[in-house]
Amino acid sequence: FRQAPGKEREKVAVIYSGGLRTNYADSAKGRFTI
């Protein structure tokens, strides 16, 4: 997760099922890798 001053905490990415599955926020897709 991430939070900037004055802004809501937002989800960035999650990894589960032993690392086999992932999900990204739209802002992170294509740039971030969990």
Full PDB file with SEQRES, HELIX, SHEET, SSBOND, CRYST1, ORIGX, SCALE, CONECT and MASTER records, all heavy atoms in Angstrom:
SEQRES   1 A   34  PHE ARG GLN ALA PRO GLY LYS GLU ARG GLU LYS VAL ALA          
SEQRES   2 A   34  VAL ILE TYR SER GLY GLY LEU ARG THR ASN TYR ALA ASP          
SEQRES   3 A   34  SER ALA LYS GLY ARG PHE THR ILE                              
HELIX    1 AA1 SER A   17  GLY A   19  5                                   3    
SHEET    1 AA1 2 ALA A  13  TYR A  16  0                                        
SHEET    2 AA1 2 ARG A  21  TYR A  24 -1                                        
CRYST1    1.000    1.000    1.000  90.00  90.00  90.00 P 1           1          
ORIGX1      1.000000  0.000000  0.000000        0.00000                         
ORIGX2      0.000000  1.000000  0.000000        0.00000                         
ORIGX3      0.000000  0.000000  1.000000        0.00000                         
SCALE1      1.000000  0.000000  0.000000        0.00000                         
SCALE2      0.000000  1.000000  0.000000        0.00000                         
SCALE3      0.000000  0.000000  1.000000        0.00000                         
ATOM      1  N   PHE A   1       0.854  -1.172   0.000  1.00  0.00           N  
ATOM      2  CA  PHE A   1       0.000   0.000   0.000  1.00  0.00           C  
ATOM      3  C   PHE A   1       0.894   1.227   0.000  1.00  0.00           C  
ATOM      4  O   PHE A   1       2.076   1.141   0.317  1.00  0.00           O  
ATOM      5  CB  PHE A   1      -0.901   0.032   1.236  1.00  0.00           C  
ATOM      6  CG  PHE A   1      -1.962  -1.033   1.276  1.00  0.00           C  
ATOM      7  CD1 PHE A   1      -1.637  -2.361   1.533  1.00  0.00           C  
ATOM      8  CD2 PHE A   1      -3.296  -0.699   1.079  1.00  0.00           C  
ATOM      9  CE1 PHE A   1      -2.619  -3.336   1.577  1.00  0.00           C  
ATOM     10  CE2 PHE A   1      -4.287  -1.668   1.124  1.00  0.00           C  
ATOM     11  CZ  PHE A   1      -3.943  -2.986   1.376  1.00  0.00           C  
ATOM     12  N   ARG A   2       0.312   2.364  -0.321  1.00  0.00           N  
ATOM     13  CA  ARG A   2       1.066   3.608  -0.224  1.00  0.00           C  
ATOM     14  C   ARG A   2       0.140   4.732   0.214  1.00  0.00           C  
ATOM     15  O   ARG A   2      -1.066   4.692  -0.001  1.00  0.00           O  
ATOM     16  CB  ARG A   2       1.749   3.965  -1.543  1.00  0.00           C  
ATOM     17  CG  ARG A   2       0.807   4.349  -2.666  1.00  0.00           C  
ATOM     18  CD  ARG A   2       1.590   4.549  -3.957  1.00  0.00           C  
ATOM     19  NE  ARG A   2       0.734   5.000  -5.047  1.00  0.00           N  
ATOM     20  CZ  ARG A   2       1.126   5.117  -6.304  1.00  0.00           C  
ATOM     21  NH1 ARG A   2       2.386   4.818  -6.642  1.00  0.00           N  
ATOM     22  NH2 ARG A   2       0.278   5.532  -7.232  1.00  0.00           N  
ATOM     23  N   GLN A   3       0.736   5.733   0.831  1.00  0.00           N  
ATOM     24  CA  GLN A   3      -0.025   6.886   1.265  1.00  0.00           C  
ATOM     25  C   GLN A   3       0.831   8.138   1.167  1.00  0.00           C  
ATOM     26  O   GLN A   3       1.924   8.200   1.724  1.00  0.00           O  
ATOM     27  CB  GLN A   3      -0.530   6.713   2.694  1.00  0.00           C  
ATOM     28  CG  GLN A   3      -1.481   7.808   3.140  1.00  0.00           C  
ATOM     29  CD  GLN A   3      -2.189   7.474   4.437  1.00  0.00           C  
ATOM     30  OE1 GLN A   3      -1.690   6.701   5.250  1.00  0.00           O  
ATOM     31  NE2 GLN A   3      -3.359   8.052   4.630  1.00  0.00           N  
ATOM     32  N   ALA A   4       0.320   9.119   0.459  1.00  0.00           N  
ATOM     33  CA  ALA A   4       0.964  10.417   0.349  1.00  0.00           C  
ATOM     34  C   ALA A   4       0.300  11.372   1.328  1.00  0.00           C  
ATOM     35  O   ALA A   4      -0.868  11.195   1.686  1.00  0.00           O  
ATOM     36  CB  ALA A   4       0.850  10.948  -1.073  1.00  0.00           C  
ATOM     37  N   PRO A   5       1.011  12.395   1.774  1.00  0.00           N  
ATOM     38  CA  PRO A   5       0.427  13.354   2.714  1.00  0.00           C  
ATOM     39  C   PRO A   5      -0.870  13.950   2.192  1.00  0.00           C  
ATOM     40  O   PRO A   5      -0.947  14.384   1.045  1.00  0.00           O  
ATOM     41  CB  PRO A   5       1.515  14.424   2.839  1.00  0.00           C  
ATOM     42  CG  PRO A   5       2.781  13.695   2.554  1.00  0.00           C  
ATOM     43  CD  PRO A   5       2.418  12.712   1.474  1.00  0.00           C  
ATOM     44  N   GLY A   6      -1.896  13.948   3.035  1.00  0.00           N  
ATOM     45  CA  GLY A   6      -3.179  14.517   2.666  1.00  0.00           C  
ATOM     46  C   GLY A   6      -4.032  13.661   1.757  1.00  0.00           C  
ATOM     47  O   GLY A   6      -5.099  14.105   1.326  1.00  0.00           O  
ATOM     48  N   LYS A   7      -3.586  12.463   1.464  1.00  0.00           N  
ATOM     49  CA  LYS A   7      -4.330  11.583   0.582  1.00  0.00           C  
ATOM     50  C   LYS A   7      -4.683  10.274   1.280  1.00  0.00           C  
ATOM     51  O   LYS A   7      -4.078   9.907   2.283  1.00  0.00           O  
ATOM     52  CB  LYS A   7      -3.531  11.289  -0.687  1.00  0.00           C  
ATOM     53  CG  LYS A   7      -3.270  12.511  -1.556  1.00  0.00           C  
ATOM     54  CD  LYS A   7      -2.578  12.137  -2.841  1.00  0.00           C  
ATOM     55  CE  LYS A   7      -2.369  13.349  -3.719  1.00  0.00           C  
ATOM     56  NZ  LYS A   7      -1.696  12.985  -4.999  1.00  0.00           N  
ATOM     57  N   GLU A   8      -5.667   9.593   0.725  1.00  0.00           N  
ATOM     58  CA  GLU A   8      -6.079   8.301   1.255  1.00  0.00           C  
ATOM     59  C   GLU A   8      -5.026   7.245   0.973  1.00  0.00           C  
ATOM     60  O   GLU A   8      -4.314   7.299  -0.033  1.00  0.00           O  
ATOM     61  CB  GLU A   8      -7.408   7.874   0.634  1.00  0.00           C  
ATOM     62  CG  GLU A   8      -8.582   8.774   0.963  1.00  0.00           C  
ATOM     63  CD  GLU A   8      -9.109   8.546   2.353  1.00  0.00           C  
ATOM     64  OE1 GLU A   8      -8.889   7.454   2.919  1.00  0.00           O  
ATOM     65  OE2 GLU A   8      -9.750   9.461   2.898  1.00  0.00           O  
ATOM     66  N   ARG A   9      -4.950   6.285   1.860  1.00  0.00           N  
ATOM     67  CA  ARG A   9      -4.109   5.127   1.619  1.00  0.00           C  
ATOM     68  C   ARG A   9      -4.665   4.363   0.428  1.00  0.00           C  
ATOM     69  O   ARG A   9      -5.883   4.171   0.314  1.00  0.00           O  
ATOM     70  CB  ARG A   9      -4.082   4.226   2.859  1.00  0.00           C  
ATOM     71  CG  ARG A   9      -3.265   2.961   2.720  1.00  0.00           C  
ATOM     72  CD  ARG A   9      -3.310   2.159   4.004  1.00  0.00           C  
ATOM     73  NE  ARG A   9      -4.673   1.819   4.370  1.00  0.00           N  
ATOM     74  CZ  ARG A   9      -5.028   1.339   5.555  1.00  0.00           C  
ATOM     75  NH1 ARG A   9      -4.113   1.157   6.496  1.00  0.00           N  
ATOM     76  NH2 ARG A   9      -6.301   1.061   5.803  1.00  0.00           N  
ATOM     77  N   GLU A  10      -3.799   3.924  -0.460  1.00  0.00           N  
ATOM     78  CA  GLU A  10      -4.259   3.207  -1.627  1.00  0.00           C  
ATOM     79  C   GLU A  10      -3.500   1.895  -1.818  1.00  0.00           C  
ATOM     80  O   GLU A  10      -2.327   1.780  -1.466  1.00  0.00           O  
ATOM     81  CB  GLU A  10      -4.140   4.066  -2.888  1.00  0.00           C  
ATOM     82  CG  GLU A  10      -2.729   4.453  -3.263  1.00  0.00           C  
ATOM     83  CD  GLU A  10      -2.666   5.218  -4.574  1.00  0.00           C  
ATOM     84  OE1 GLU A  10      -3.518   4.973  -5.458  1.00  0.00           O  
ATOM     85  OE2 GLU A  10      -1.759   6.061  -4.717  1.00  0.00           O  
ATOM     86  N   LYS A  11      -4.198   0.941  -2.367  1.00  0.00           N  
ATOM     87  CA  LYS A  11      -3.589  -0.338  -2.692  1.00  0.00           C  
ATOM     88  C   LYS A  11      -2.685  -0.189  -3.900  1.00  0.00           C  
ATOM     89  O   LYS A  11      -3.021   0.521  -4.843  1.00  0.00           O  
ATOM     90  CB  LYS A  11      -4.672  -1.379  -2.978  1.00  0.00           C  
ATOM     91  CG  LYS A  11      -5.528  -1.722  -1.775  1.00  0.00           C  
ATOM     92  CD  LYS A  11      -6.620  -2.726  -2.135  1.00  0.00           C  
ATOM     93  CE  LYS A  11      -7.695  -2.089  -2.985  1.00  0.00           C  
ATOM     94  NZ  LYS A  11      -8.835  -3.031  -3.237  1.00  0.00           N  
ATOM     95  N   VAL A  12      -1.558  -0.851  -3.859  1.00  0.00           N  
ATOM     96  CA  VAL A  12      -0.626  -0.836  -4.975  1.00  0.00           C  
ATOM     97  C   VAL A  12      -0.611  -2.190  -5.671  1.00  0.00           C  
ATOM     98  O   VAL A  12      -0.771  -2.281  -6.886  1.00  0.00           O  
ATOM     99  CB  VAL A  12       0.793  -0.456  -4.519  1.00  0.00           C  
ATOM    100  CG1 VAL A  12       1.762  -0.509  -5.696  1.00  0.00           C  
ATOM    101  CG2 VAL A  12       0.793   0.925  -3.881  1.00  0.00           C  
ATOM    102  N   ALA A  13      -0.416  -3.253  -4.899  1.00  0.00           N  
ATOM    103  CA  ALA A  13      -0.341  -4.586  -5.471  1.00  0.00           C  
ATOM    104  C   ALA A  13      -0.521  -5.625  -4.379  1.00  0.00           C  
ATOM    105  O   ALA A  13      -0.262  -5.364  -3.206  1.00  0.00           O  
ATOM    106  CB  ALA A  13       0.996  -4.807  -6.179  1.00  0.00           C  
ATOM    107  N   VAL A  14      -0.960  -6.810  -4.771  1.00  0.00           N  
ATOM    108  CA  VAL A  14      -1.109  -7.920  -3.837  1.00  0.00           C  
ATOM    109  C   VAL A  14      -0.607  -9.192  -4.503  1.00  0.00           C  
ATOM    110  O   VAL A  14      -0.700  -9.341  -5.726  1.00  0.00           O  
ATOM    111  CB  VAL A  14      -2.579  -8.073  -3.372  1.00  0.00           C  
ATOM    112  CG1 VAL A  14      -3.496  -8.413  -4.541  1.00  0.00           C  
ATOM    113  CG2 VAL A  14      -2.701  -9.104  -2.256  1.00  0.00           C  
ATOM    114  N   ILE A  15      -0.070 -10.084  -3.704  1.00  0.00           N  
ATOM    115  CA  ILE A  15       0.400 -11.369  -4.199  1.00  0.00           C  
ATOM    116  C   ILE A  15      -0.119 -12.455  -3.262  1.00  0.00           C  
ATOM    117  O   ILE A  15      -0.097 -12.302  -2.037  1.00  0.00           O  
ATOM    118  CB  ILE A  15       1.940 -11.388  -4.329  1.00  0.00           C  
ATOM    119  CG1 ILE A  15       2.416 -12.676  -5.003  1.00  0.00           C  
ATOM    120  CG2 ILE A  15       2.625 -11.176  -2.982  1.00  0.00           C  
ATOM    121  CD1 ILE A  15       3.872 -12.598  -5.474  1.00  0.00           C  
ATOM    122  N   TYR A  16      -0.603 -13.543  -3.830  1.00  0.00           N  
ATOM    123  CA  TYR A  16      -1.203 -14.586  -3.025  1.00  0.00           C  
ATOM    124  C   TYR A  16      -1.118 -15.929  -3.741  1.00  0.00           C  
ATOM    125  O   TYR A  16      -0.513 -16.028  -4.804  1.00  0.00           O  
ATOM    126  CB  TYR A  16      -2.652 -14.226  -2.672  1.00  0.00           C  
ATOM    127  CG  TYR A  16      -3.585 -14.061  -3.855  1.00  0.00           C  
ATOM    128  CD1 TYR A  16      -4.536 -15.031  -4.153  1.00  0.00           C  
ATOM    129  CD2 TYR A  16      -3.527 -12.929  -4.663  1.00  0.00           C  
ATOM    130  CE1 TYR A  16      -5.400 -14.872  -5.226  1.00  0.00           C  
ATOM    131  CE2 TYR A  16      -4.377 -12.768  -5.739  1.00  0.00           C  
ATOM    132  CZ  TYR A  16      -5.313 -13.746  -6.016  1.00  0.00           C  
ATOM    133  OH  TYR A  16      -6.172 -13.595  -7.080  1.00  0.00           O  
ATOM    134  N   SER A  17      -1.744 -16.935  -3.143  1.00  0.00           N  
ATOM    135  CA  SER A  17      -1.684 -18.310  -3.663  1.00  0.00           C  
ATOM    136  C   SER A  17      -0.245 -18.755  -3.850  1.00  0.00           C  
ATOM    137  O   SER A  17       0.140 -19.286  -4.891  1.00  0.00           O  
ATOM    138  CB  SER A  17      -2.463 -18.429  -4.976  1.00  0.00           C  
ATOM    139  OG  SER A  17      -3.840 -18.205  -4.769  1.00  0.00           O  
ATOM    140  N   GLY A  18       0.547 -18.548  -2.813  1.00  0.00           N  
ATOM    141  CA  GLY A  18       1.938 -18.964  -2.852  1.00  0.00           C  
ATOM    142  C   GLY A  18       2.791 -18.164  -3.813  1.00  0.00           C  
ATOM    143  O   GLY A  18       3.899 -18.593  -4.154  1.00  0.00           O  
ATOM    144  N   GLY A  19       2.286 -17.019  -4.252  1.00  0.00           N  
ATOM    145  CA  GLY A  19       3.005 -16.192  -5.194  1.00  0.00           C  
ATOM    146  C   GLY A  19       2.616 -16.421  -6.638  1.00  0.00           C  
ATOM    147  O   GLY A  19       3.189 -15.810  -7.542  1.00  0.00           O  
ATOM    148  N   LEU A  20       1.637 -17.285  -6.867  1.00  0.00           N  
ATOM    149  CA  LEU A  20       1.215 -17.611  -8.221  1.00  0.00           C  
ATOM    150  C   LEU A  20       0.258 -16.586  -8.816  1.00  0.00           C  
ATOM    151  O   LEU A  20       0.121 -16.523 -10.039  1.00  0.00           O  
ATOM    152  CB  LEU A  20       0.545 -18.987  -8.251  1.00  0.00           C  
ATOM    153  CG  LEU A  20       1.428 -20.171  -7.856  1.00  0.00           C  
ATOM    154  CD1 LEU A  20       0.610 -21.451  -7.871  1.00  0.00           C  
ATOM    155  CD2 LEU A  20       2.614 -20.295  -8.795  1.00  0.00           C  
ATOM    156  N   ARG A  21      -0.388 -15.813  -7.960  1.00  0.00           N  
ATOM    157  CA  ARG A  21      -1.371 -14.847  -8.437  1.00  0.00           C  
ATOM    158  C   ARG A  21      -1.035 -13.451  -7.928  1.00  0.00           C  
ATOM    159  O   ARG A  21      -0.556 -13.290  -6.805  1.00  0.00           O  
ATOM    160  CB  ARG A  21      -2.770 -15.243  -7.985  1.00  0.00           C  
ATOM    161  CG  ARG A  21      -3.210 -16.607  -8.498  1.00  0.00           C  
ATOM    162  CD  ARG A  21      -4.614 -16.934  -8.036  1.00  0.00           C  
ATOM    163  NE  ARG A  21      -5.015 -18.278  -8.412  1.00  0.00           N  
ATOM    164  CZ  ARG A  21      -5.533 -18.610  -9.585  1.00  0.00           C  
ATOM    165  NH1 ARG A  21      -5.739 -17.667 -10.509  1.00  0.00           N  
ATOM    166  NH2 ARG A  21      -5.861 -19.867  -9.840  1.00  0.00           N  
ATOM    167  N   THR A  22      -1.316 -12.461  -8.752  1.00  0.00           N  
ATOM    168  CA  THR A  22      -1.056 -11.072  -8.399  1.00  0.00           C  
ATOM    169  C   THR A  22      -2.185 -10.182  -8.881  1.00  0.00           C  
ATOM    170  O   THR A  22      -2.961 -10.543  -9.759  1.00  0.00           O  
ATOM    171  CB  THR A  22       0.257 -10.566  -9.009  1.00  0.00           C  
ATOM    172  OG1 THR A  22       0.200 -10.685 -10.438  1.00  0.00           O  
ATOM    173  CG2 THR A  22       1.446 -11.371  -8.493  1.00  0.00           C  
ATOM    174  N   ASN A  23      -2.266  -9.005  -8.297  1.00  0.00           N  
ATOM    175  CA  ASN A  23      -3.223  -8.003  -8.718  1.00  0.00           C  
ATOM    176  C   ASN A  23      -2.595  -6.632  -8.514  1.00  0.00           C  
ATOM    177  O   ASN A  23      -1.934  -6.395  -7.500  1.00  0.00           O  
ATOM    178  CB  ASN A  23      -4.525  -8.126  -7.916  1.00  0.00           C  
ATOM    179  CG  ASN A  23      -5.572  -7.115  -8.344  1.00  0.00           C  
ATOM    180  OD1 ASN A  23      -5.617  -5.998  -7.830  1.00  0.00           O  
ATOM    181  ND2 ASN A  23      -6.411  -7.505  -9.282  1.00  0.00           N  
ATOM    182  N   TYR A  24      -2.796  -5.731  -9.474  1.00  0.00           N  
ATOM    183  CA  TYR A  24      -2.191  -4.412  -9.421  1.00  0.00           C  
ATOM    184  C   TYR A  24      -3.229  -3.315  -9.541  1.00  0.00           C  
ATOM    185  O   TYR A  24      -4.226  -3.459 -10.257  1.00  0.00           O  
ATOM    186  CB  TYR A  24      -1.194  -4.227 -10.561  1.00  0.00           C  
ATOM    187  CG  TYR A  24      -0.004  -5.143 -10.517  1.00  0.00           C  
ATOM    188  CD1 TYR A  24      -0.029  -6.379 -11.146  1.00  0.00           C  
ATOM    189  CD2 TYR A  24       1.155  -4.760  -9.844  1.00  0.00           C  
ATOM    190  CE1 TYR A  24       1.064  -7.224 -11.108  1.00  0.00           C  
ATOM    191  CE2 TYR A  24       2.256  -5.595  -9.803  1.00  0.00           C  
ATOM    192  CZ  TYR A  24       2.208  -6.823 -10.438  1.00  0.00           C  
ATOM    193  OH  TYR A  24       3.301  -7.652 -10.397  1.00  0.00           O  
ATOM    194  N   ALA A  25      -2.964  -2.218  -8.862  1.00  0.00           N  
ATOM    195  CA  ALA A  25      -3.748  -1.017  -9.091  1.00  0.00           C  
ATOM    196  C   ALA A  25      -3.469  -0.515 -10.501  1.00  0.00           C  
ATOM    197  O   ALA A  25      -2.395  -0.757 -11.056  1.00  0.00           O  
ATOM    198  CB  ALA A  25      -3.381   0.056  -8.070  1.00  0.00           C  
ATOM    199  N   ASP A  26      -4.437   0.191 -11.069  1.00  0.00           N  
ATOM    200  CA  ASP A  26      -4.253   0.704 -12.426  1.00  0.00           C  
ATOM    201  C   ASP A  26      -3.004   1.579 -12.539  1.00  0.00           C  
ATOM    202  O   ASP A  26      -2.316   1.558 -13.560  1.00  0.00           O  
ATOM    203  CB  ASP A  26      -5.486   1.499 -12.862  1.00  0.00           C  
ATOM    204  CG  ASP A  26      -6.685   0.614 -13.132  1.00  0.00           C  
ATOM    205  OD1 ASP A  26      -6.509  -0.598 -13.335  1.00  0.00           O  
ATOM    206  OD2 ASP A  26      -7.813   1.146 -13.144  1.00  0.00           O  
ATOM    207  N   SER A  27      -2.713   2.326 -11.500  1.00  0.00           N  
ATOM    208  CA  SER A  27      -1.557   3.216 -11.522  1.00  0.00           C  
ATOM    209  C   SER A  27      -0.233   2.466 -11.550  1.00  0.00           C  
ATOM    210  O   SER A  27       0.796   3.047 -11.915  1.00  0.00           O  
ATOM    211  CB  SER A  27      -1.589   4.147 -10.311  1.00  0.00           C  
ATOM    212  OG  SER A  27      -1.553   3.411  -9.103  1.00  0.00           O  
ATOM    213  N   ALA A  28      -0.256   1.193 -11.155  1.00  0.00           N  
ATOM    214  CA  ALA A  28       0.965   0.406 -11.075  1.00  0.00           C  
ATOM    215  C   ALA A  28       1.149  -0.543 -12.248  1.00  0.00           C  
ATOM    216  O   ALA A  28       2.278  -0.990 -12.508  1.00  0.00           O  
ATOM    217  CB  ALA A  28       0.980  -0.396  -9.779  1.00  0.00           C  
ATOM    218  N   LYS A  29       0.086  -0.848 -12.944  1.00  0.00           N  
ATOM    219  CA  LYS A  29       0.155  -1.821 -14.025  1.00  0.00           C  
ATOM    220  C   LYS A  29       1.145  -1.407 -15.098  1.00  0.00           C  
ATOM    221  O   LYS A  29       1.164  -0.264 -15.537  1.00  0.00           O  
ATOM    222  CB  LYS A  29      -1.231  -2.006 -14.651  1.00  0.00           C  
ATOM    223  CG  LYS A  29      -2.224  -2.711 -13.761  1.00  0.00           C  
ATOM    224  CD  LYS A  29      -3.586  -2.828 -14.442  1.00  0.00           C  
ATOM    225  CE  LYS A  29      -4.584  -3.526 -13.541  1.00  0.00           C  
ATOM    226  NZ  LYS A  29      -5.935  -3.590 -14.160  1.00  0.00           N  
ATOM    227  N   GLY A  30       1.975  -2.357 -15.484  1.00  0.00           N  
ATOM    228  CA  GLY A  30       2.949  -2.112 -16.531  1.00  0.00           C  
ATOM    229  C   GLY A  30       4.239  -1.489 -16.057  1.00  0.00           C  
ATOM    230  O   GLY A  30       5.217  -1.467 -16.808  1.00  0.00           O  
ATOM    231  N   ARG A  31       4.263  -0.981 -14.840  1.00  0.00           N  
ATOM    232  CA  ARG A  31       5.465  -0.342 -14.302  1.00  0.00           C  
ATOM    233  C   ARG A  31       6.013  -1.032 -13.064  1.00  0.00           C  
ATOM    234  O   ARG A  31       7.223  -1.048 -12.856  1.00  0.00           O  
ATOM    235  CB  ARG A  31       5.189   1.128 -13.969  1.00  0.00           C  
ATOM    236  CG  ARG A  31       4.769   1.970 -15.161  1.00  0.00           C  
ATOM    237  CD  ARG A  31       4.709   3.451 -14.792  1.00  0.00           C  
ATOM    238  NE  ARG A  31       3.748   3.700 -13.725  1.00  0.00           N  
ATOM    239  CZ  ARG A  31       4.044   4.280 -12.569  1.00  0.00           C  
ATOM    240  NH1 ARG A  31       5.280   4.690 -12.316  1.00  0.00           N  
ATOM    241  NH2 ARG A  31       3.097   4.478 -11.655  1.00  0.00           N  
ATOM    242  N   PHE A  32       5.117  -1.567 -12.244  1.00  0.00           N  
ATOM    243  CA  PHE A  32       5.524  -2.196 -10.992  1.00  0.00           C  
ATOM    244  C   PHE A  32       5.361  -3.709 -11.090  1.00  0.00           C  
ATOM    245  O   PHE A  32       4.451  -4.208 -11.760  1.00  0.00           O  
ATOM    246  CB  PHE A  32       4.669  -1.699  -9.821  1.00  0.00           C  
ATOM    247  CG  PHE A  32       4.838  -0.240  -9.479  1.00  0.00           C  
ATOM    248  CD1 PHE A  32       5.654   0.599 -10.216  1.00  0.00           C  
ATOM    249  CD2 PHE A  32       4.155   0.283  -8.392  1.00  0.00           C  
ATOM    250  CE1 PHE A  32       5.801   1.941  -9.892  1.00  0.00           C  
ATOM    251  CE2 PHE A  32       4.288   1.620  -8.050  1.00  0.00           C  
ATOM    252  CZ  PHE A  32       5.112   2.448  -8.802  1.00  0.00           C  
ATOM    253  N   THR A  33       6.220  -4.425 -10.388  1.00  0.00           N  
ATOM    254  CA  THR A  33       6.136  -5.875 -10.338  1.00  0.00           C  
ATOM    255  C   THR A  33       6.279  -6.338  -8.894  1.00  0.00           C  
ATOM    256  O   THR A  33       7.278  -6.038  -8.236  1.00  0.00           O  
ATOM    257  CB  THR A  33       7.226  -6.538 -11.188  1.00  0.00           C  
ATOM    258  OG1 THR A  33       7.116  -6.098 -12.547  1.00  0.00           O  
ATOM    259  CG2 THR A  33       7.073  -8.057 -11.153  1.00  0.00           C  
ATOM    260  N   ILE A  34       5.285  -7.067  -8.412  1.00  0.00           N  
ATOM    261  CA  ILE A  34       5.342  -7.625  -7.068  1.00  0.00           C  
ATOM    262  C   ILE A  34       5.802  -9.074  -7.168  1.00  0.00           C  
ATOM    263  O   ILE A  34       5.425  -9.796  -8.090  1.00  0.00           O  
ATOM    264  CB  ILE A  34       3.969  -7.518  -6.360  1.00  0.00           C  
ATOM    265  CG1 ILE A  34       4.080  -7.916  -4.887  1.00  0.00           C  
ATOM    266  CG2 ILE A  34       2.904  -8.344  -7.065  1.00  0.00           C  
ATOM    267  CD1 ILE A  34       2.822  -7.608  -4.078  1.00  0.00           C  
TER     268      ILE A  34                                                      
MASTER        0    0    0    1    2    0    0    6  267    1    0    3          
END                                                                             
